[in-house]
PDB file of N, CA and C in Angstrom:
ATOM      1  N   MET A   1     -11.455  12.853 -25.579  1.00  0.00           N
ATOM      2  CA  MET A   1     -11.846  12.423 -24.251  1.00  0.00           C
ATOM      3  C   MET A   1     -11.513  13.549 -23.279  1.00  0.00           C
ATOM      4  N   SER A   2     -12.471  13.895 -22.434  1.00  0.00           N
ATOM      5  CA  SER A   2     -12.254  14.999 -21.508  1.00  0.00           C
ATOM      6  C   SER A   2     -11.568  14.516 -20.240  1.00  0.00           C
ATOM      7  N   GLU A   3     -10.883  15.433 -19.600  1.00  0.00           N
ATOM      8  CA  GLU A   3     -10.150  15.112 -18.370  1.00  0.00           C
ATOM      9  C   GLU A   3     -11.104  15.144 -17.188  1.00  0.00           C
ATOM     10  N   THR A   4     -11.061  14.113 -16.374  1.00  0.00           N
ATOM     11  CA  THR A   4     -11.890  14.061 -15.169  1.00  0.00           C
ATOM     12  C   THR A   4     -11.151  14.738 -14.023  1.00  0.00           C
ATOM     13  N   PRO A   5     -11.846  15.076 -12.940  1.00  0.00           N
ATOM     14  CA  PRO A   5     -11.150  15.632 -11.773  1.00  0.00           C
ATOM     15  C   PRO A   5     -10.072  14.691 -11.244  1.00  0.00           C
ATOM     16  N   LEU A   6     -10.315  13.385 -11.344  1.00  0.00           N
ATOM     17  CA  LEU A   6      -9.315  12.416 -10.891  1.00  0.00           C
ATOM     18  C   LEU A   6      -8.064  12.504 -11.746  1.00  0.00           C
ATOM     19  N   ASP A   7      -8.233  12.647 -13.069  1.00  0.00           N
ATOM     20  CA  ASP A   7      -7.070  12.787 -13.949  1.00  0.00           C
ATOM     21  C   ASP A   7      -6.260  14.027 -13.582  1.00  0.00           C
ATOM     22  N   ALA A   8      -6.932  15.120 -13.308  1.00  0.00           N
ATOM     23  CA  ALA A   8      -6.231  16.350 -12.928  1.00  0.00           C
ATOM     24  C   ALA A   8      -5.502  16.169 -11.611  1.00  0.00           C
ATOM     25  N   ALA A   9      -6.142  15.503 -10.658  1.00  0.00           N
ATOM     26  CA  ALA A   9      -5.498  15.273  -9.357  1.00  0.00           C
ATOM     27  C   ALA A   9      -4.276  14.398  -9.512  1.00  0.00           C
ATOM     28  N   ARG A  10      -4.411  13.362 -10.321  1.00  0.00           N
ATOM     29  CA  ARG A  10      -3.273  12.458 -10.518  1.00  0.00           C
ATOM     30  C   ARG A  10      -2.109  13.179 -11.185  1.00  0.00           C
ATOM     31  N   ALA A  11      -2.419  14.024 -12.136  1.00  0.00           N
ATOM     32  CA  ALA A  11      -1.357  14.716 -12.857  1.00  0.00           C
ATOM     33  C   ALA A  11      -0.628  15.715 -11.975  1.00  0.00           C
ATOM     34  N   SER A  12      -1.318  16.248 -10.969  1.00  0.00           N
ATOM     35  CA  SER A  12      -0.704  17.303 -10.164  1.00  0.00           C
ATOM     36  C   SER A  12      -0.100  16.807  -8.853  1.00  0.00           C
ATOM     37  N   SER A  13      -0.170  15.512  -8.584  1.00  0.00           N
ATOM     38  CA  SER A  13       0.330  15.033  -7.302  1.00  0.00           C
ATOM     39  C   SER A  13       1.337  13.912  -7.488  1.00  0.00           C
ATOM     40  N   LEU A  14       2.109  13.702  -6.457  1.00  0.00           N
ATOM     41  CA  LEU A  14       3.081  12.620  -6.452  1.00  0.00           C
ATOM     42  C   LEU A  14       2.488  11.426  -5.728  1.00  0.00           C
ATOM     43  N   ARG A  15       2.759  10.251  -6.249  1.00  0.00           N
ATOM     44  CA  ARG A  15       2.276   9.025  -5.620  1.00  0.00           C
ATOM     45  C   ARG A  15       3.387   8.423  -4.780  1.00  0.00           C
ATOM     46  N   LEU A  16       3.082   8.145  -3.520  1.00  0.00           N
ATOM     47  CA  LEU A  16       4.010   7.426  -2.658  1.00  0.00           C
ATOM     48  C   LEU A  16       4.009   5.975  -3.104  1.00  0.00           C
ATOM     49  N   LEU A  17       5.168   5.473  -3.473  1.00  0.00           N
ATOM     50  CA  LEU A  17       5.267   4.098  -3.969  1.00  0.00           C
ATOM     51  C   LEU A  17       5.380   3.110  -2.813  1.00  0.00           C
ATOM     52  N   PRO A  18       4.987   1.856  -3.053  1.00  0.00           N
ATOM     53  CA  PRO A  18       4.974   0.870  -1.964  1.00  0.00           C
ATOM     54  C   PRO A  18       6.330   0.254  -1.656  1.00  0.00           C
ATOM     55  N   TRP A  19       7.389   0.900  -2.050  1.00  0.00           N
ATOM     56  CA  TRP A  19       8.729   0.418  -1.718  1.00  0.00           C
ATOM     57  C   TRP A  19       9.594   1.616  -1.348  1.00  0.00           C
ATOM     58  N   ALA A  20      10.635   1.344  -0.619  1.00  0.00           N
ATOM     59  CA  ALA A  20      11.559   2.399  -0.195  1.00  0.00           C
ATOM     60  C   ALA A  20      12.718   2.481  -1.181  1.00  0.00           C
ATOM     61  N   GLY A  21      13.317   3.637  -1.236  1.00  0.00           N
ATOM     62  CA  GLY A  21      14.472   3.834  -2.085  1.00  0.00           C
ATOM     63  C   GLY A  21      15.759   3.580  -1.322  1.00  0.00           C
ATOM     64  N   PRO A  22      16.855   4.050  -1.881  1.00  0.00           N
ATOM     65  CA  PRO A  22      18.136   3.905  -1.194  1.00  0.00           C
ATOM     66  C   PRO A  22      18.065   4.503   0.211  1.00  0.00           C
ATOM     67  N   GLU A  23      18.700   3.842   1.125  1.00  0.00           N
ATOM     68  CA  GLU A  23      18.766   4.290   2.517  1.00  0.00           C
ATOM     69  C   GLU A  23      17.396   4.329   3.184  1.00  0.00           C
ATOM     70  N   GLY A  24      16.420   3.583   2.643  1.00  0.00           N
ATOM     71  CA  GLY A  24      15.101   3.498   3.253  1.00  0.00           C
ATOM     72  C   GLY A  24      14.210   4.708   3.056  1.00  0.00           C
ATOM     73  N   ARG A  25      14.615   5.610   2.194  1.00  0.00           N
ATOM     74  CA  ARG A  25      13.835   6.829   1.975  1.00  0.00           C
ATOM     75  C   ARG A  25      12.633   6.540   1.081  1.00  0.00           C
ATOM     76  N   PRO A  26      11.538   7.300   1.246  1.00  0.00           N
ATOM     77  CA  PRO A  26      10.345   7.077   0.423  1.00  0.00           C
ATOM     78  C   PRO A  26      10.621   7.348  -1.052  1.00  0.00           C
ATOM     79  N   CYS A  27       9.933   6.613  -1.904  1.00  0.00           N
ATOM     80  CA  CYS A  27       9.997   6.823  -3.352  1.00  0.00           C
ATOM     81  C   CYS A  27       8.661   7.387  -3.810  1.00  0.00           C
ATOM     82  N   TYR A  28       8.714   8.314  -4.738  1.00  0.00           N
ATOM     83  CA  TYR A  28       7.504   8.927  -5.270  1.00  0.00           C
ATOM     84  C   TYR A  28       7.503   8.813  -6.780  1.00  0.00           C
ATOM     85  N   LEU A  29       6.307   8.819  -7.341  1.00  0.00           N
ATOM     86  CA  LEU A  29       6.132   8.733  -8.783  1.00  0.00           C
ATOM     87  C   LEU A  29       5.266   9.895  -9.231  1.00  0.00           C
ATOM     88  N   SER A  30       5.730  10.604 -10.230  1.00  0.00           N
ATOM     89  CA  SER A  30       4.944  11.668 -10.829  1.00  0.00           C
ATOM     90  C   SER A  30       4.383  11.129 -12.136  1.00  0.00           C
ATOM     91  N   THR A  31       3.082  10.850 -12.143  1.00  0.00           N
ATOM     92  CA  THR A  31       2.470  10.225 -13.308  1.00  0.00           C
ATOM     93  C   THR A  31       0.969  10.438 -13.280  1.00  0.00           C
ATOM     94  N   ASP A  32       0.321  10.076 -14.368  1.00  0.00           N
ATOM     95  CA  ASP A  32      -1.142  10.131 -14.410  1.00  0.00           C
ATOM     96  C   ASP A  32      -1.773   8.858 -13.869  1.00  0.00           C
ATOM     97  N   GLY A  33      -0.944   7.902 -13.433  1.00  0.00           N
ATOM     98  CA  GLY A  33      -1.461   6.677 -12.847  1.00  0.00           C
ATOM     99  C   GLY A  33      -1.716   5.560 -13.824  1.00  0.00           C
ATOM    100  N   ARG A  34      -1.310   5.732 -15.072  1.00  0.00           N
ATOM    101  CA  ARG A  34      -1.595   4.725 -16.078  1.00  0.00           C
ATOM    102  C   ARG A  34      -0.338   4.055 -16.651  1.00  0.00           C
ATOM    103  N   GLY A  35       0.822   4.478 -16.248  1.00  0.00           N
ATOM    104  CA  GLY A  35       2.062   3.967 -16.815  1.00  0.00           C
ATOM    105  C   GLY A  35       2.505   2.652 -16.202  1.00  0.00           C
ATOM    106  N   PRO A  36       3.607   2.103 -16.724  1.00  0.00           N
ATOM    107  CA  PRO A  36       4.077   0.802 -16.243  1.00  0.00           C
ATOM    108  C   PRO A  36       4.530   0.811 -14.783  1.00  0.00           C
ATOM    109  N   VAL A  37       5.134   1.887 -14.323  1.00  0.00           N
ATOM    110  CA  VAL A  37       5.567   1.926 -12.918  1.00  0.00           C
ATOM    111  C   VAL A  37       4.345   2.016 -12.005  1.00  0.00           C
ATOM    112  N   ALA A  38       3.329   2.760 -12.415  1.00  0.00           N
ATOM    113  CA  ALA A  38       2.093   2.837 -11.624  1.00  0.00           C
ATOM    114  C   ALA A  38       1.423   1.470 -11.554  1.00  0.00           C
ATOM    115  N   ARG A  39       1.400   0.740 -12.666  1.00  0.00           N
ATOM    116  CA  ARG A  39       0.812  -0.609 -12.656  1.00  0.00           C
ATOM    117  C   ARG A  39       1.631  -1.547 -11.780  1.00  0.00           C
ATOM    118  N   LEU A  40       2.949  -1.430 -11.833  1.00  0.00           N
ATOM    119  CA  LEU A  40       3.811  -2.238 -10.965  1.00  0.00           C
ATOM    120  C   LEU A  40       3.521  -1.923  -9.495  1.00  0.00           C
ATOM    121  N   ALA A  41       3.368  -0.642  -9.183  1.00  0.00           N
ATOM    122  CA  ALA A  41       3.054  -0.238  -7.808  1.00  0.00           C
ATOM    123  C   ALA A  41       1.693  -0.787  -7.381  1.00  0.00           C
ATOM    124  N   ASP A  42       0.707  -0.726  -8.275  1.00  0.00           N
ATOM    125  CA  ASP A  42      -0.616  -1.290  -7.963  1.00  0.00           C
ATOM    126  C   ASP A  42      -0.505  -2.775  -7.645  1.00  0.00           C
ATOM    127  N   ASN A  43       0.246  -3.498  -8.473  1.00  0.00           N
ATOM    128  CA  ASN A  43       0.421  -4.939  -8.256  1.00  0.00           C
ATOM    129  C   ASN A  43       1.153  -5.220  -6.949  1.00  0.00           C
ATOM    130  N   MET A  44       2.187  -4.430  -6.667  1.00  0.00           N
ATOM    131  CA  MET A  44       2.946  -4.652  -5.437  1.00  0.00           C
ATOM    132  C   MET A  44       2.085  -4.358  -4.210  1.00  0.00           C
ATOM    133  N   GLU A  45       1.263  -3.320  -4.276  1.00  0.00           N
ATOM    134  CA  GLU A  45       0.350  -3.040  -3.164  1.00  0.00           C
ATOM    135  C   GLU A  45      -0.588  -4.218  -2.931  1.00  0.00           C
ATOM    136  N   ALA A  46      -1.116  -4.781  -4.009  1.00  0.00           N
ATOM    137  CA  ALA A  46      -2.022  -5.928  -3.879  1.00  0.00           C
ATOM    138  C   ALA A  46      -1.307  -7.118  -3.248  1.00  0.00           C
ATOM    139  N   VAL A  47      -0.064  -7.356  -3.653  1.00  0.00           N
ATOM    140  CA  VAL A  47       0.719  -8.455  -3.075  1.00  0.00           C
ATOM    141  C   VAL A  47       0.973  -8.195  -1.593  1.00  0.00           C
ATOM    142  N   GLN A  48       1.366  -6.972  -1.254  1.00  0.00           N
ATOM    143  CA  GLN A  48       1.651  -6.639   0.144  1.00  0.00           C
ATOM    144  C   GLN A  48       0.414  -6.820   1.019  1.00  0.00           C
ATOM    145  N   LEU A  49      -0.734  -6.375   0.538  1.00  0.00           N
ATOM    146  CA  LEU A  49      -1.965  -6.531   1.316  1.00  0.00           C
ATOM    147  C   LEU A  49      -2.343  -8.004   1.449  1.00  0.00           C
ATOM    148  N   GLY A  50      -2.180  -8.759   0.379  1.00  0.00           N
ATOM    149  CA  GLY A  50      -2.466 -10.195   0.434  1.00  0.00           C
ATOM    150  C   GLY A  50      -1.539 -10.930   1.384  1.00  0.00           C
ATOM    151  N   MET A  51      -0.264 -10.585   1.347  1.00  0.00           N
ATOM    152  CA  MET A  51       0.696 -11.217   2.256  1.00  0.00           C
ATOM    153  C   MET A  51       0.381 -10.862   3.703  1.00  0.00           C
ATOM    154  N   GLY A  52      -0.042  -9.628   3.936  1.00  0.00           N
ATOM    155  CA  GLY A  52      -0.422  -9.224   5.285  1.00  0.00           C
ATOM    156  C   GLY A  52      -1.601 -10.034   5.801  1.00  0.00           C
ATOM    157  N   THR A  53      -2.561 -10.280   4.937  1.00  0.00           N
ATOM    158  CA  THR A  53      -3.723 -11.093   5.313  1.00  0.00           C
ATOM    159  C   THR A  53      -3.301 -12.511   5.664  1.00  0.00           C
ATOM    160  N   GLN A  54      -2.437 -13.092   4.837  1.00  0.00           N
ATOM    161  CA  GLN A  54      -1.956 -14.452   5.105  1.00  0.00           C
ATOM    162  C   GLN A  54      -1.142 -14.502   6.396  1.00  0.00           C
ATOM    163  N   LEU A  55      -0.306 -13.512   6.608  1.00  0.00           N
ATOM    164  CA  LEU A  55       0.518 -13.472   7.813  1.00  0.00           C
ATOM    165  C   LEU A  55      -0.345 -13.345   9.064  1.00  0.00           C
ATOM    166  N   LEU A  56      -1.396 -12.558   8.974  1.00  0.00           N
ATOM    167  CA  LEU A  56      -2.302 -12.415  10.109  1.00  0.00           C
ATOM    168  C   LEU A  56      -2.946 -13.759  10.460  1.00  0.00           C
ATOM    169  N   GLY A  57      -3.330 -14.515   9.446  1.00  0.00           N
ATOM    170  CA  GLY A  57      -3.879 -15.852   9.691  1.00  0.00           C
ATOM    171  C   GLY A  57      -2.867 -16.765  10.355  1.00  0.00           C
ATOM    172  N   HIS A  58      -1.628 -16.701   9.886  1.00  0.00           N
ATOM    173  CA  HIS A  58      -0.561 -17.503  10.485  1.00  0.00           C
ATOM    174  C   HIS A  58      -0.323 -17.082  11.937  1.00  0.00           C
ATOM    175  N   ALA A  59      -0.348 -15.785  12.187  1.00  0.00           N
ATOM    176  CA  ALA A  59      -0.133 -15.283  13.549  1.00  0.00           C
ATOM    177  C   ALA A  59      -1.225 -15.778  14.488  1.00  0.00           C
ATOM    178  N   ARG A  60      -2.461 -15.747  14.028  1.00  0.00           N
ATOM    179  CA  ARG A  60      -3.564 -16.244  14.866  1.00  0.00           C
ATOM    180  C   ARG A  60      -3.343 -17.710  15.229  1.00  0.00           C
ATOM    181  N   SER A  61      -2.931 -18.503  14.246  1.00  0.00           N
ATOM    182  CA  SER A  61      -2.691 -19.930  14.497  1.00  0.00           C
ATOM    183  C   SER A  61      -1.545 -20.128  15.482  1.00  0.00           C
ATOM    184  N   LEU A  62      -0.459 -19.395  15.284  1.00  0.00           N
ATOM    185  CA  LEU A  62       0.718 -19.551  16.130  1.00  0.00           C
ATOM    186  C   LEU A  62       0.422 -19.148  17.576  1.00  0.00           C
ATOM    187  N   VAL A  63      -0.315 -18.066  17.741  1.00  0.00           N
ATOM    188  CA  VAL A  63      -0.652 -17.602  19.087  1.00  0.00           C
ATOM    189  C   VAL A  63      -1.527 -18.633  19.812  1.00  0.00           C
ATOM    190  N   ALA A  64      -2.355 -19.335  19.071  1.00  0.00           N
ATOM    191  CA  ALA A  64      -3.249 -20.336  19.675  1.00  0.00           C
ATOM    192  C   ALA A  64      -2.524 -21.632  20.040  1.00  0.00           C
ATOM    193  N   GLU A  65      -1.340 -21.855  19.478  1.00  0.00           N
ATOM    194  CA  GLU A  65      -0.589 -23.092  19.735  1.00  0.00           C
ATOM    195  C   GLU A  65       0.083 -23.062  21.109  1.00  0.00           C
ATOM    196  N   GLN A  66       0.260 -24.241  21.659  1.00  0.00           N
ATOM    197  CA  GLN A  66       1.020 -24.402  22.901  1.00  0.00           C
ATOM    198  C   GLN A  66       2.468 -24.726  22.540  1.00  0.00           C
ATOM    199  N   GLY A  67       3.397 -24.301  23.359  1.00  0.00           N
ATOM    200  CA  GLY A  67       4.795 -24.674  23.191  1.00  0.00           C
ATOM    201  C   GLY A  67       5.538 -23.950  22.081  1.00  0.00           C
ATOM    202  N   VAL A  68       5.060 -22.790  21.680  1.00  0.00           N
ATOM    203  CA  VAL A  68       5.757 -22.015  20.657  1.00  0.00           C
ATOM    204  C   VAL A  68       6.958 -21.341  21.316  1.00  0.00           C
ATOM    205  N   SER A  69       8.105 -21.430  20.661  1.00  0.00           N
ATOM    206  CA  SER A  69       9.335 -20.894  21.255  1.00  0.00           C
ATOM    207  C   SER A  69       9.402 -19.369  21.142  1.00  0.00           C
ATOM    208  N   ALA A  70      10.245 -18.794  21.966  1.00  0.00           N
ATOM    209  CA  ALA A  70      10.475 -17.349  21.924  1.00  0.00           C
ATOM    210  C   ALA A  70      11.048 -16.936  20.573  1.00  0.00           C
ATOM    211  N   ASP A  71      11.919 -17.774  20.001  1.00  0.00           N
ATOM    212  CA  ASP A  71      12.480 -17.466  18.683  1.00  0.00           C
ATOM    213  C   ASP A  71      11.388 -17.402  17.619  1.00  0.00           C
ATOM    214  N   GLU A  72      10.422 -18.318  17.693  1.00  0.00           N
ATOM    215  CA  GLU A  72       9.321 -18.300  16.728  1.00  0.00           C
ATOM    216  C   GLU A  72       8.483 -17.033  16.884  1.00  0.00           C
ATOM    217  N   PHE A  73       8.239 -16.630  18.120  1.00  0.00           N
ATOM    218  CA  PHE A  73       7.479 -15.397  18.347  1.00  0.00           C
ATOM    219  C   PHE A  73       8.255 -14.162  17.884  1.00  0.00           C
ATOM    220  N   ARG A  74       9.557 -14.153  18.098  1.00  0.00           N
ATOM    221  CA  ARG A  74      10.374 -13.024  17.621  1.00  0.00           C
ATOM    222  C   ARG A  74      10.338 -12.946  16.100  1.00  0.00           C
ATOM    223  N   TYR A  75      10.435 -14.095  15.452  1.00  0.00           N
ATOM    224  CA  TYR A  75      10.371 -14.131  13.985  1.00  0.00           C
ATOM    225  C   TYR A  75       9.009 -13.616  13.510  1.00  0.00           C
ATOM    226  N   LEU A  76       7.953 -14.098  14.162  1.00  0.00           N
ATOM    227  CA  LEU A  76       6.609 -13.644  13.817  1.00  0.00           C
ATOM    228  C   LEU A  76       6.479 -12.138  14.023  1.00  0.00           C
ATOM    229  N   ALA A  77       6.982 -11.633  15.140  1.00  0.00           N
ATOM    230  CA  ALA A  77       6.908 -10.195  15.419  1.00  0.00           C
ATOM    231  C   ALA A  77       7.646  -9.388  14.354  1.00  0.00           C
ATOM    232  N   ALA A  78       8.785  -9.881  13.904  1.00  0.00           N
ATOM    233  CA  ALA A  78       9.540  -9.184  12.858  1.00  0.00           C
ATOM    234  C   ALA A  78       8.748  -9.139  11.555  1.00  0.00           C
ATOM    235  N   ARG A  79       8.136 -10.260  11.177  1.00  0.00           N
ATOM    236  CA  ARG A  79       7.359 -10.304   9.939  1.00  0.00           C
ATOM    237  C   ARG A  79       6.103  -9.436  10.050  1.00  0.00           C
ATOM    238  N   LEU A  80       5.446  -9.462  11.214  1.00  0.00           N
ATOM    239  CA  LEU A  80       4.273  -8.613  11.421  1.00  0.00           C
ATOM    240  C   LEU A  80       4.648  -7.138  11.351  1.00  0.00           C
ATOM    241  N   THR A  81       5.814  -6.790  11.895  1.00  0.00           N
ATOM    242  CA  THR A  81       6.293  -5.411  11.839  1.00  0.00           C
ATOM    243  C   THR A  81       6.520  -4.979  10.394  1.00  0.00           C
ATOM    244  N   GLU A  82       7.151  -5.841   9.608  1.00  0.00           N
ATOM    245  CA  GLU A  82       7.376  -5.536   8.188  1.00  0.00           C
ATOM    246  C   GLU A  82       6.053  -5.365   7.453  1.00  0.00           C
ATOM    247  N   SER A  83       5.123  -6.264   7.727  1.00  0.00           N
ATOM    248  CA  SER A  83       3.825  -6.207   7.066  1.00  0.00           C
ATOM    249  C   SER A  83       3.065  -4.943   7.452  1.00  0.00           C
ATOM    250  N   LEU A  84       3.103  -4.592   8.723  1.00  0.00           N
ATOM    251  CA  LEU A  84       2.434  -3.374   9.172  1.00  0.00           C
ATOM    252  C   LEU A  84       3.041  -2.151   8.493  1.00  0.00           C
ATOM    253  N   ARG A  85       4.356  -2.110   8.377  1.00  0.00           N
ATOM    254  CA  ARG A  85       5.023  -0.998   7.682  1.00  0.00           C
ATOM    255  C   ARG A  85       4.509  -0.895   6.247  1.00  0.00           C
ATOM    256  N   ASP A  86       4.437  -2.033   5.555  1.00  0.00           N
ATOM    257  CA  ASP A  86       3.978  -2.042   4.164  1.00  0.00           C
ATOM    258  C   ASP A  86       2.530  -1.578   4.050  1.00  0.00           C
ATOM    259  N   VAL A  87       1.675  -2.096   4.920  1.00  0.00           N
ATOM    260  CA  VAL A  87       0.254  -1.752   4.867  1.00  0.00           C
ATOM    261  C   VAL A  87       0.039  -0.276   5.202  1.00  0.00           C
ATOM    262  N   LEU A  88       0.786   0.249   6.156  1.00  0.00           N
ATOM    263  CA  LEU A  88       0.669   1.673   6.482  1.00  0.00           C
ATOM    264  C   LEU A  88       1.120   2.545   5.314  1.00  0.00           C
ATOM    265  N   ARG A  89       2.140   2.110   4.594  1.00  0.00           N
ATOM    266  CA  ARG A  89       2.596   2.864   3.418  1.00  0.00           C
ATOM    267  C   ARG A  89       1.512   2.857   2.338  1.00  0.00           C
ATOM    268  N   VAL A  90       0.882   1.698   2.119  1.00  0.00           N
ATOM    269  CA  VAL A  90      -0.210   1.611   1.146  1.00  0.00           C
ATOM    270  C   VAL A  90      -1.356   2.531   1.574  1.00  0.00           C
ATOM    271  N   ALA A  91      -1.707   2.497   2.850  1.00  0.00           N
ATOM    272  CA  ALA A  91      -2.794   3.345   3.351  1.00  0.00           C
ATOM    273  C   ALA A  91      -2.457   4.826   3.177  1.00  0.00           C
ATOM    274  N   GLU A  92      -1.229   5.201   3.478  1.00  0.00           N
ATOM    275  CA  GLU A  92      -0.824   6.599   3.312  1.00  0.00           C
ATOM    276  C   GLU A  92      -0.902   7.009   1.846  1.00  0.00           C
ATOM    277  N   SER A  93      -0.403   6.157   0.962  1.00  0.00           N
ATOM    278  CA  SER A  93      -0.422   6.453  -0.464  1.00  0.00           C
ATOM    279  C   SER A  93      -1.851   6.605  -0.974  1.00  0.00           C
ATOM    280  N   ARG A  94      -2.707   5.671  -0.606  1.00  0.00           N
ATOM    281  CA  ARG A  94      -4.096   5.728  -1.068  1.00  0.00           C
ATOM    282  C   ARG A  94      -4.837   6.907  -0.452  1.00  0.00           C
ATOM    283  N   GLY A  95      -4.538   7.219   0.795  1.00  0.00           N
ATOM    284  CA  GLY A  95      -5.157   8.380   1.424  1.00  0.00           C
ATOM    285  C   GLY A  95      -4.775   9.669   0.721  1.00  0.00           C
ATOM    286  N   ARG A  96      -3.524   9.796   0.352  1.00  0.00           N
ATOM    287  CA  ARG A  96      -3.072  10.988  -0.378  1.00  0.00           C
ATOM    288  C   ARG A  96      -3.788  11.099  -1.712  1.00  0.00           C
ATOM    289  N   ARG A  97      -3.911   9.960  -2.409  1.00  0.00           N
ATOM    290  CA  ARG A  97      -4.566   9.984  -3.717  1.00  0.00           C
ATOM    291  C   ARG A  97      -6.053  10.293  -3.582  1.00  0.00           C
ATOM    292  N   LEU A  98      -6.687   9.801  -2.538  1.00  0.00           N
ATOM    293  CA  LEU A  98      -8.100  10.127  -2.326  1.00  0.00           C
ATOM    294  C   LEU A  98      -8.278  11.610  -2.032  1.00  0.00           C
ATOM    295  N   ARG A  99      -7.395  12.175  -1.210  1.00  0.00           N
ATOM    296  CA  ARG A  99      -7.469  13.615  -0.929  1.00  0.00           C
ATOM    297  C   ARG A  99      -7.233  14.412  -2.201  1.00  0.00           C
ATOM    298  N   ALA A 100      -6.281  13.955  -3.023  1.00  0.00           N
ATOM    299  CA  ALA A 100      -5.984  14.652  -4.273  1.00  0.00           C
ATOM    300  C   ALA A 100      -7.158  14.563  -5.238  1.00  0.00           C
ATOM    301  N   CYS A 101      -7.920  13.508  -5.125  1.00  0.00           N
ATOM    302  CA  CYS A 101      -9.083  13.308  -5.981  1.00  0.00           C
ATOM    303  C   CYS A 101     -10.069  14.458  -5.787  1.00  0.00           C
ATOM    304  N   GLY A 102     -10.166  14.916  -4.560  1.00  0.00           N
ATOM    305  CA  GLY A 102     -10.981  16.084  -4.267  1.00  0.00           C
ATOM    306  C   GLY A 102     -12.466  15.800  -4.165  1.00  0.00           C
ATOM    307  N   GLU A 103     -13.156  16.758  -3.641  1.00  0.00           N
ATOM    308  CA  GLU A 103     -14.594  16.644  -3.451  1.00  0.00           C
ATOM    309  C   GLU A 103     -15.342  16.708  -4.766  1.00  0.00           C
ATOM    310  N   GLU A 104     -14.731  17.248  -5.793  1.00  0.00           N
ATOM    311  CA  GLU A 104     -15.400  17.430  -7.072  1.00  0.00           C
ATOM    312  C   GLU A 104     -15.526  16.136  -7.858  1.00  0.00           C
ATOM    313  N   ALA A 105     -14.628  15.179  -7.627  1.00  0.00           N
ATOM    314  CA  ALA A 105     -14.622  13.949  -8.420  1.00  0.00           C
ATOM    315  C   ALA A 105     -15.790  13.060  -8.030  1.00  0.00           C
ATOM    316  N   ALA A 106     -16.307  12.362  -9.012  1.00  0.00           N
ATOM    317  CA  ALA A 106     -17.375  11.393  -8.746  1.00  0.00           C
ATOM    318  C   ALA A 106     -16.801  10.229  -7.960  1.00  0.00           C
ATOM    319  N   GLU A 107     -17.586   9.655  -7.080  1.00  0.00           N
ATOM    320  CA  GLU A 107     -17.111   8.550  -6.244  1.00  0.00           C
ATOM    321  C   GLU A 107     -16.581   7.408  -7.099  1.00  0.00           C
ATOM    322  N   ALA A 108     -17.213   7.137  -8.216  1.00  0.00           N
ATOM    323  CA  ALA A 108     -16.777   6.038  -9.086  1.00  0.00           C
ATOM    324  C   ALA A 108     -15.382   6.285  -9.635  1.00  0.00           C
ATOM    325  N   ASP A 109     -15.014   7.551  -9.837  1.00  0.00           N
ATOM    326  CA  ASP A 109     -13.686   7.864 -10.358  1.00  0.00           C
ATOM    327  C   ASP A 109     -12.591   7.531  -9.358  1.00  0.00           C
ATOM    328  N   CYS A 110     -12.914   7.510  -8.085  1.00  0.00           N
ATOM    329  CA  CYS A 110     -11.917   7.290  -7.050  1.00  0.00           C
ATOM    330  C   CYS A 110     -11.895   5.850  -6.558  1.00  0.00           C
ATOM    331  N   ASP A 111     -12.785   5.011  -7.054  1.00  0.00           N
ATOM    332  CA  ASP A 111     -12.873   3.638  -6.557  1.00  0.00           C
ATOM    333  C   ASP A 111     -11.603   2.835  -6.766  1.00  0.00           C
ATOM    334  N   ASP A 112     -10.824   3.133  -7.798  1.00  0.00           N
ATOM    335  CA  ASP A 112      -9.631   2.331  -8.069  1.00  0.00           C
ATOM    336  C   ASP A 112      -8.436   2.737  -7.231  1.00  0.00           C
ATOM    337  N   LEU A 113      -8.602   3.694  -6.340  1.00  0.00           N
ATOM    338  CA  LEU A 113      -7.496   4.105  -5.484  1.00  0.00           C
ATOM    339  C   LEU A 113      -7.447   3.176  -4.319  1.00  0.00           C
TER     340      LEU A 113
END
């Protein structure tokens, strides 16, 4: 089996993982994108994006309600902040992988990023 441009890009770049390491520092993975940690990262990204979607729906409902307390809004703001942080990390990671994919790779090869 021949190596695609995407395989070469994956092998030569580090993947920003969707979780932070000790002291909140970014975690990176050096892999071809097919190992167990890469699959775990893919699953966690999907969960984070799904949770963000659900939280956004909850936020819309809460904002539309009358009589919501300041504590409830603060809690919502904290959760939205966490979700935004997670989604931005996923976007940064996927953007890096798309750039690493390069102009030479076929569009279909990059669809799973």
